[in-house]
Amino acid sequence: MKKTLYLSLAIIICITVLSGCGQAKSKTTWLQGKWYSKSWQVTYVFSQKNDNWQIKDGKGNVISKSATPSKDSNDKAITLVDQNGTKFIIKKIDKSTIKFLQTSKKGLMGTTAAVEFVKE
């Protein structure tokens, strides 16, 4: 009887932990993939490996090496910060549209206007 109880408890704990891990990953999956900006006429490819993000266009990397999400990132907006201090602020409008804003750290030139991208 005790074995059955312990086994049931262990299974419940495993399911809880696994479902929590799946939810943590799914918060950023909406951003991964190809996004096209009509106003810039460019496609960006967003990819995530572990907690590091890369953004690439047809010419190479938009992010110099890799970027990590800031603490204020959530399932509707992600702020990525690369090793140079450049911020990439991406806000989810709906499941196929995002707003993209790039700002450089203080002392460097480079702020863009917010641009809309659509999922390809």
N, C-alpha and C. Protein backbone atom coordinates (compact mmCIF):
# COMPACT_ATOMS: atom_id res chain seq x y z
N MET A 1 0.82 -1.20 0.00
CA MET A 1 0.00 0.00 0.00
C MET A 1 0.87 1.26 0.00
N LYS A 2 1.93 1.26 0.85
CA LYS A 2 2.80 2.42 0.90
C LYS A 2 3.54 2.62 -0.41
N LYS A 3 3.93 1.50 -1.05
CA LYS A 3 4.64 1.60 -2.34
C LYS A 3 3.75 2.28 -3.38
N THR A 4 2.50 1.91 -3.42
CA THR A 4 1.57 2.51 -4.37
C THR A 4 1.39 3.99 -4.09
N LEU A 5 1.29 4.35 -2.84
CA LEU A 5 1.14 5.75 -2.46
C LEU A 5 2.37 6.56 -2.86
N TYR A 6 3.56 6.03 -2.55
CA TYR A 6 4.81 6.72 -2.91
C TYR A 6 4.98 6.83 -4.42
N LEU A 7 4.64 5.76 -5.13
CA LEU A 7 4.73 5.79 -6.59
C LEU A 7 3.78 6.82 -7.17
N SER A 8 2.57 6.87 -6.67
CA SER A 8 1.59 7.86 -7.14
C SER A 8 2.08 9.28 -6.87
N LEU A 9 2.61 9.50 -5.69
CA LEU A 9 3.14 10.81 -5.32
C LEU A 9 4.31 11.21 -6.22
N ALA A 10 5.20 10.26 -6.50
CA ALA A 10 6.35 10.52 -7.38
C ALA A 10 5.89 10.87 -8.79
N ILE A 11 4.90 10.18 -9.29
CA ILE A 11 4.37 10.45 -10.64
C ILE A 11 3.75 11.84 -10.69
N ILE A 12 2.99 12.20 -9.69
CA ILE A 12 2.36 13.53 -9.64
C ILE A 12 3.42 14.62 -9.61
N ILE A 13 4.48 14.44 -8.83
CA ILE A 13 5.56 15.42 -8.76
C ILE A 13 6.26 15.54 -10.11
N CYS A 14 6.54 14.41 -10.76
CA CYS A 14 7.18 14.44 -12.08
C CYS A 14 6.33 15.17 -13.11
N ILE A 15 5.05 14.89 -13.13
CA ILE A 15 4.15 15.55 -14.08
C ILE A 15 4.11 17.05 -13.82
N THR A 16 4.06 17.45 -12.57
CA THR A 16 4.04 18.88 -12.22
C THR A 16 5.32 19.57 -12.68
N VAL A 17 6.46 18.96 -12.43
CA VAL A 17 7.74 19.55 -12.83
C VAL A 17 7.84 19.64 -14.35
N LEU A 18 7.47 18.57 -15.05
CA LEU A 18 7.55 18.57 -16.51
C LEU A 18 6.60 19.59 -17.14
N SER A 19 5.41 19.72 -16.61
CA SER A 19 4.48 20.70 -17.17
C SER A 19 4.97 22.12 -16.92
N GLY A 20 5.60 22.36 -15.79
CA GLY A 20 6.18 23.67 -15.51
C GLY A 20 7.30 24.01 -16.46
N CYS A 21 8.14 23.04 -16.78
CA CYS A 21 9.24 23.26 -17.74
C CYS A 21 8.69 23.56 -19.12
N GLY A 22 7.66 22.86 -19.52
CA GLY A 22 7.05 23.09 -20.83
C GLY A 22 6.44 24.47 -20.93
N GLN A 23 5.84 24.96 -19.87
CA GLN A 23 5.25 26.29 -19.89
C GLN A 23 6.31 27.36 -19.95
N ALA A 24 7.43 27.18 -19.29
CA ALA A 24 8.50 28.17 -19.30
C ALA A 24 9.06 28.33 -20.71
N LYS A 25 9.21 27.25 -21.43
CA LYS A 25 9.73 27.33 -22.79
C LYS A 25 8.71 27.96 -23.73
N SER A 26 7.44 27.66 -23.55
CA SER A 26 6.43 28.12 -24.49
C SER A 26 6.18 29.62 -24.42
N LYS A 27 6.70 30.31 -23.40
CA LYS A 27 6.48 31.75 -23.30
C LYS A 27 7.18 32.52 -24.40
N THR A 28 8.23 31.97 -24.98
CA THR A 28 8.98 32.68 -26.01
C THR A 28 8.93 32.02 -27.38
N THR A 29 8.25 30.92 -27.51
CA THR A 29 8.21 30.23 -28.80
C THR A 29 7.52 31.05 -29.87
N TRP A 30 6.65 31.96 -29.49
CA TRP A 30 5.95 32.79 -30.48
C TRP A 30 6.92 33.63 -31.30
N LEU A 31 8.08 33.97 -30.76
CA LEU A 31 9.02 34.83 -31.47
C LEU A 31 9.92 34.06 -32.43
N GLN A 32 10.15 32.80 -32.19
CA GLN A 32 11.07 32.04 -33.02
C GLN A 32 10.55 31.88 -34.44
N GLY A 33 11.48 31.98 -35.40
CA GLY A 33 11.11 31.80 -36.80
C GLY A 33 11.40 33.03 -37.63
N LYS A 34 10.80 33.07 -38.84
CA LYS A 34 11.04 34.15 -39.79
C LYS A 34 9.96 35.22 -39.68
N TRP A 35 10.41 36.48 -39.67
CA TRP A 35 9.52 37.63 -39.60
C TRP A 35 9.92 38.62 -40.70
N TYR A 36 8.92 39.16 -41.41
CA TYR A 36 9.19 40.07 -42.53
C TYR A 36 8.67 41.47 -42.23
N SER A 37 9.50 42.47 -42.52
CA SER A 37 9.09 43.87 -42.40
C SER A 37 8.92 44.45 -43.80
N LYS A 38 7.72 44.88 -44.11
CA LYS A 38 7.45 45.48 -45.41
C LYS A 38 8.14 46.84 -45.52
N SER A 39 8.13 47.62 -44.44
CA SER A 39 8.73 48.96 -44.51
C SER A 39 10.25 48.90 -44.64
N TRP A 40 10.89 47.92 -44.05
CA TRP A 40 12.35 47.76 -44.19
C TRP A 40 12.71 46.82 -45.33
N GLN A 41 11.75 46.08 -45.83
CA GLN A 41 11.95 45.07 -46.87
C GLN A 41 13.06 44.10 -46.47
N VAL A 42 12.91 43.51 -45.30
CA VAL A 42 13.91 42.58 -44.78
C VAL A 42 13.21 41.48 -43.99
N THR A 43 13.80 40.30 -44.01
CA THR A 43 13.33 39.19 -43.19
C THR A 43 14.35 38.95 -42.08
N TYR A 44 13.88 38.91 -40.85
CA TYR A 44 14.72 38.57 -39.70
C TYR A 44 14.36 37.16 -39.26
N VAL A 45 15.37 36.40 -38.90
CA VAL A 45 15.16 35.06 -38.36
C VAL A 45 15.56 35.10 -36.89
N PHE A 46 14.60 34.85 -36.02
CA PHE A 46 14.82 34.81 -34.57
C PHE A 46 14.98 33.36 -34.15
N SER A 47 16.07 33.06 -33.45
CA SER A 47 16.27 31.70 -32.96
C SER A 47 16.79 31.75 -31.53
N GLN A 48 16.43 30.73 -30.78
CA GLN A 48 16.80 30.66 -29.37
C GLN A 48 17.45 29.31 -29.09
N LYS A 49 18.59 29.35 -28.42
CA LYS A 49 19.24 28.13 -27.95
C LYS A 49 19.56 28.35 -26.48
N ASN A 50 18.97 27.53 -25.63
CA ASN A 50 19.02 27.72 -24.19
C ASN A 50 18.43 29.09 -23.87
N ASP A 51 19.18 29.99 -23.26
CA ASP A 51 18.65 31.32 -22.96
C ASP A 51 19.28 32.39 -23.85
N ASN A 52 19.99 31.97 -24.89
CA ASN A 52 20.64 32.91 -25.80
C ASN A 52 19.86 33.02 -27.10
N TRP A 53 19.69 34.25 -27.55
CA TRP A 53 18.95 34.53 -28.77
C TRP A 53 19.89 35.03 -29.85
N GLN A 54 19.53 34.74 -31.11
CA GLN A 54 20.21 35.31 -32.26
C GLN A 54 19.15 35.87 -33.19
N ILE A 55 19.51 36.98 -33.83
CA ILE A 55 18.67 37.55 -34.88
C ILE A 55 19.54 37.66 -36.11
N LYS A 56 19.09 37.07 -37.21
CA LYS A 56 19.86 37.12 -38.46
C LYS A 56 18.98 37.66 -39.57
N ASP A 57 19.64 38.36 -40.51
CA ASP A 57 18.98 38.75 -41.74
C ASP A 57 19.74 38.08 -42.89
N GLY A 58 19.46 38.45 -44.12
CA GLY A 58 20.12 37.83 -45.27
C GLY A 58 21.61 38.10 -45.34
N LYS A 59 22.08 39.14 -44.66
CA LYS A 59 23.49 39.52 -44.71
C LYS A 59 24.30 38.96 -43.55
N GLY A 60 23.66 38.42 -42.56
CA GLY A 60 24.37 37.89 -41.40
C GLY A 60 23.65 38.21 -40.12
N ASN A 61 24.41 38.37 -39.04
CA ASN A 61 23.83 38.60 -37.72
C ASN A 61 23.41 40.04 -37.53
N VAL A 62 22.22 40.23 -37.01
CA VAL A 62 21.78 41.55 -36.55
C VAL A 62 22.31 41.75 -35.14
N ILE A 63 22.27 40.68 -34.35
CA ILE A 63 22.89 40.70 -33.02
C ILE A 63 24.32 40.23 -33.20
N SER A 64 25.27 40.98 -32.65
CA SER A 64 26.69 40.69 -32.86
C SER A 64 27.08 39.27 -32.50
N LYS A 65 26.71 38.80 -31.34
CA LYS A 65 27.01 37.41 -30.95
C LYS A 65 25.74 36.72 -30.50
N SER A 66 25.28 37.05 -29.33
CA SER A 66 24.01 36.52 -28.85
C SER A 66 23.48 37.48 -27.80
N ALA A 67 22.20 37.37 -27.55
CA ALA A 67 21.56 38.26 -26.58
C ALA A 67 20.77 37.42 -25.59
N THR A 68 20.60 37.97 -24.41
CA THR A 68 19.81 37.30 -23.39
C THR A 68 18.61 38.17 -23.03
N PRO A 69 17.50 37.56 -22.65
CA PRO A 69 16.32 38.34 -22.28
C PRO A 69 16.55 39.08 -20.97
N SER A 70 16.01 40.29 -20.88
CA SER A 70 16.08 41.03 -19.63
C SER A 70 15.01 40.51 -18.68
N LYS A 71 15.07 40.92 -17.44
CA LYS A 71 14.15 40.41 -16.42
C LYS A 71 12.71 40.85 -16.65
N ASP A 72 12.51 41.95 -17.40
CA ASP A 72 11.15 42.43 -17.63
C ASP A 72 10.47 41.73 -18.81
N SER A 73 11.14 40.77 -19.43
CA SER A 73 10.54 40.03 -20.54
C SER A 73 9.41 39.15 -20.03
N ASN A 74 8.39 38.98 -20.88
CA ASN A 74 7.26 38.12 -20.52
C ASN A 74 6.70 37.49 -21.78
N ASP A 75 5.49 36.92 -21.72
CA ASP A 75 4.94 36.23 -22.88
C ASP A 75 4.36 37.18 -23.93
N LYS A 76 4.32 38.48 -23.67
CA LYS A 76 3.81 39.46 -24.64
C LYS A 76 4.91 40.39 -25.16
N ALA A 77 6.04 40.44 -24.48
CA ALA A 77 7.14 41.31 -24.89
C ALA A 77 8.46 40.74 -24.41
N ILE A 78 9.45 40.83 -25.28
CA ILE A 78 10.79 40.35 -24.93
C ILE A 78 11.76 41.49 -25.18
N THR A 79 12.61 41.76 -24.21
CA THR A 79 13.69 42.72 -24.38
C THR A 79 14.99 41.92 -24.36
N LEU A 80 15.68 41.90 -25.50
CA LEU A 80 16.95 41.20 -25.60
C LEU A 80 18.07 42.22 -25.49
N VAL A 81 19.12 41.88 -24.77
CA VAL A 81 20.28 42.76 -24.60
C VAL A 81 21.51 42.00 -25.06
N ASP A 82 22.22 42.56 -26.07
CA ASP A 82 23.42 41.87 -26.55
C ASP A 82 24.64 42.28 -25.75
N GLN A 83 25.79 41.74 -26.11
CA GLN A 83 27.01 41.97 -25.34
C GLN A 83 27.51 43.40 -25.44
N ASN A 84 27.05 44.15 -26.45
CA ASN A 84 27.43 45.56 -26.59
C ASN A 84 26.51 46.49 -25.83
N GLY A 85 25.44 45.95 -25.26
CA GLY A 85 24.47 46.77 -24.54
C GLY A 85 23.31 47.23 -25.40
N THR A 86 23.28 46.82 -26.67
CA THR A 86 22.16 47.16 -27.54
C THR A 86 20.93 46.38 -27.11
N LYS A 87 19.80 47.09 -27.04
CA LYS A 87 18.54 46.46 -26.65
C LYS A 87 17.67 46.26 -27.88
N PHE A 88 17.04 45.11 -27.94
CA PHE A 88 16.07 44.78 -28.98
C PHE A 88 14.75 44.53 -28.27
N ILE A 89 13.81 45.44 -28.43
CA ILE A 89 12.53 45.36 -27.74
C ILE A 89 11.50 44.86 -28.73
N ILE A 90 10.96 43.68 -28.46
CA ILE A 90 10.01 43.05 -29.37
C ILE A 90 8.69 42.86 -28.63
N LYS A 91 7.64 43.48 -29.16
CA LYS A 91 6.31 43.37 -28.54
C LYS A 91 5.39 42.58 -29.45
N LYS A 92 4.71 41.63 -28.87
CA LYS A 92 3.76 40.80 -29.60
C LYS A 92 2.45 41.55 -29.74
N ILE A 93 2.05 41.82 -30.98
CA ILE A 93 0.76 42.47 -31.25
C ILE A 93 -0.33 41.39 -31.30
N ASP A 94 -0.11 40.39 -32.11
CA ASP A 94 -0.95 39.20 -32.16
C ASP A 94 -0.07 38.04 -32.59
N LYS A 95 -0.64 36.87 -32.87
CA LYS A 95 0.23 35.72 -33.13
C LYS A 95 1.01 35.82 -34.44
N SER A 96 0.68 36.77 -35.30
CA SER A 96 1.42 36.90 -36.56
C SER A 96 2.02 38.29 -36.77
N THR A 97 2.00 39.15 -35.76
CA THR A 97 2.52 40.52 -35.90
C THR A 97 3.31 40.91 -34.65
N ILE A 98 4.48 41.54 -34.88
CA ILE A 98 5.28 42.06 -33.77
C ILE A 98 5.72 43.49 -34.10
N LYS A 99 6.04 44.24 -33.06
CA LYS A 99 6.69 45.55 -33.19
C LYS A 99 8.12 45.36 -32.72
N PHE A 100 9.07 45.88 -33.49
CA PHE A 100 10.50 45.70 -33.22
C PHE A 100 11.14 47.07 -33.06
N LEU A 101 11.88 47.25 -31.96
CA LEU A 101 12.58 48.50 -31.69
C LEU A 101 13.99 48.16 -31.23
N GLN A 102 14.97 48.84 -31.82
CA GLN A 102 16.37 48.61 -31.46
C GLN A 102 16.95 49.90 -30.92
N THR A 103 17.58 49.83 -29.74
CA THR A 103 18.23 51.00 -29.15
C THR A 103 19.62 50.62 -28.68
N SER A 104 20.58 51.50 -28.93
CA SER A 104 21.95 51.26 -28.48
C SER A 104 22.14 51.82 -27.08
N LYS A 105 23.18 51.32 -26.41
CA LYS A 105 23.45 51.82 -25.07
C LYS A 105 23.94 53.26 -25.16
N LYS A 106 23.90 53.95 -24.04
CA LYS A 106 24.31 55.34 -23.97
C LYS A 106 25.72 55.51 -24.51
N GLY A 107 25.92 56.52 -25.35
CA GLY A 107 27.24 56.78 -25.91
C GLY A 107 27.43 56.21 -27.30
N LEU A 108 26.55 55.31 -27.73
CA LEU A 108 26.62 54.77 -29.08
C LEU A 108 25.43 55.27 -29.88
N MET A 109 25.65 55.47 -31.15
CA MET A 109 24.55 55.91 -32.01
C MET A 109 23.75 54.69 -32.44
N GLY A 110 22.46 54.90 -32.66
CA GLY A 110 21.67 53.82 -33.21
C GLY A 110 20.38 53.53 -32.50
N THR A 111 19.37 54.29 -32.80
CA THR A 111 18.02 54.02 -32.33
C THR A 111 17.13 53.95 -33.55
N THR A 112 16.29 52.95 -33.60
CA THR A 112 15.38 52.83 -34.72
C THR A 112 13.97 53.19 -34.27
N ALA A 113 13.14 53.54 -35.22
CA ALA A 113 11.72 53.70 -34.93
C ALA A 113 11.13 52.30 -34.82
N ALA A 114 10.04 52.18 -34.10
CA ALA A 114 9.39 50.87 -33.98
C ALA A 114 8.87 50.46 -35.35
N VAL A 115 9.19 49.24 -35.74
CA VAL A 115 8.82 48.72 -37.06
C VAL A 115 7.99 47.46 -36.88
N GLU A 116 6.99 47.30 -37.74
CA GLU A 116 6.13 46.13 -37.67
C GLU A 116 6.68 45.01 -38.54
N PHE A 117 6.66 43.80 -38.00
CA PHE A 117 7.05 42.60 -38.73
C PHE A 117 5.87 41.63 -38.71
N VAL A 118 5.72 40.85 -39.78
CA VAL A 118 4.69 39.81 -39.83
C VAL A 118 5.37 38.45 -39.98
N LYS A 119 4.75 37.44 -39.41
CA LYS A 119 5.29 36.08 -39.43
C LYS A 119 5.22 35.53 -40.84
N GLU A 120 6.31 34.92 -41.29
CA GLU A 120 6.32 34.29 -42.62
C GLU A 120 5.89 32.85 -42.51
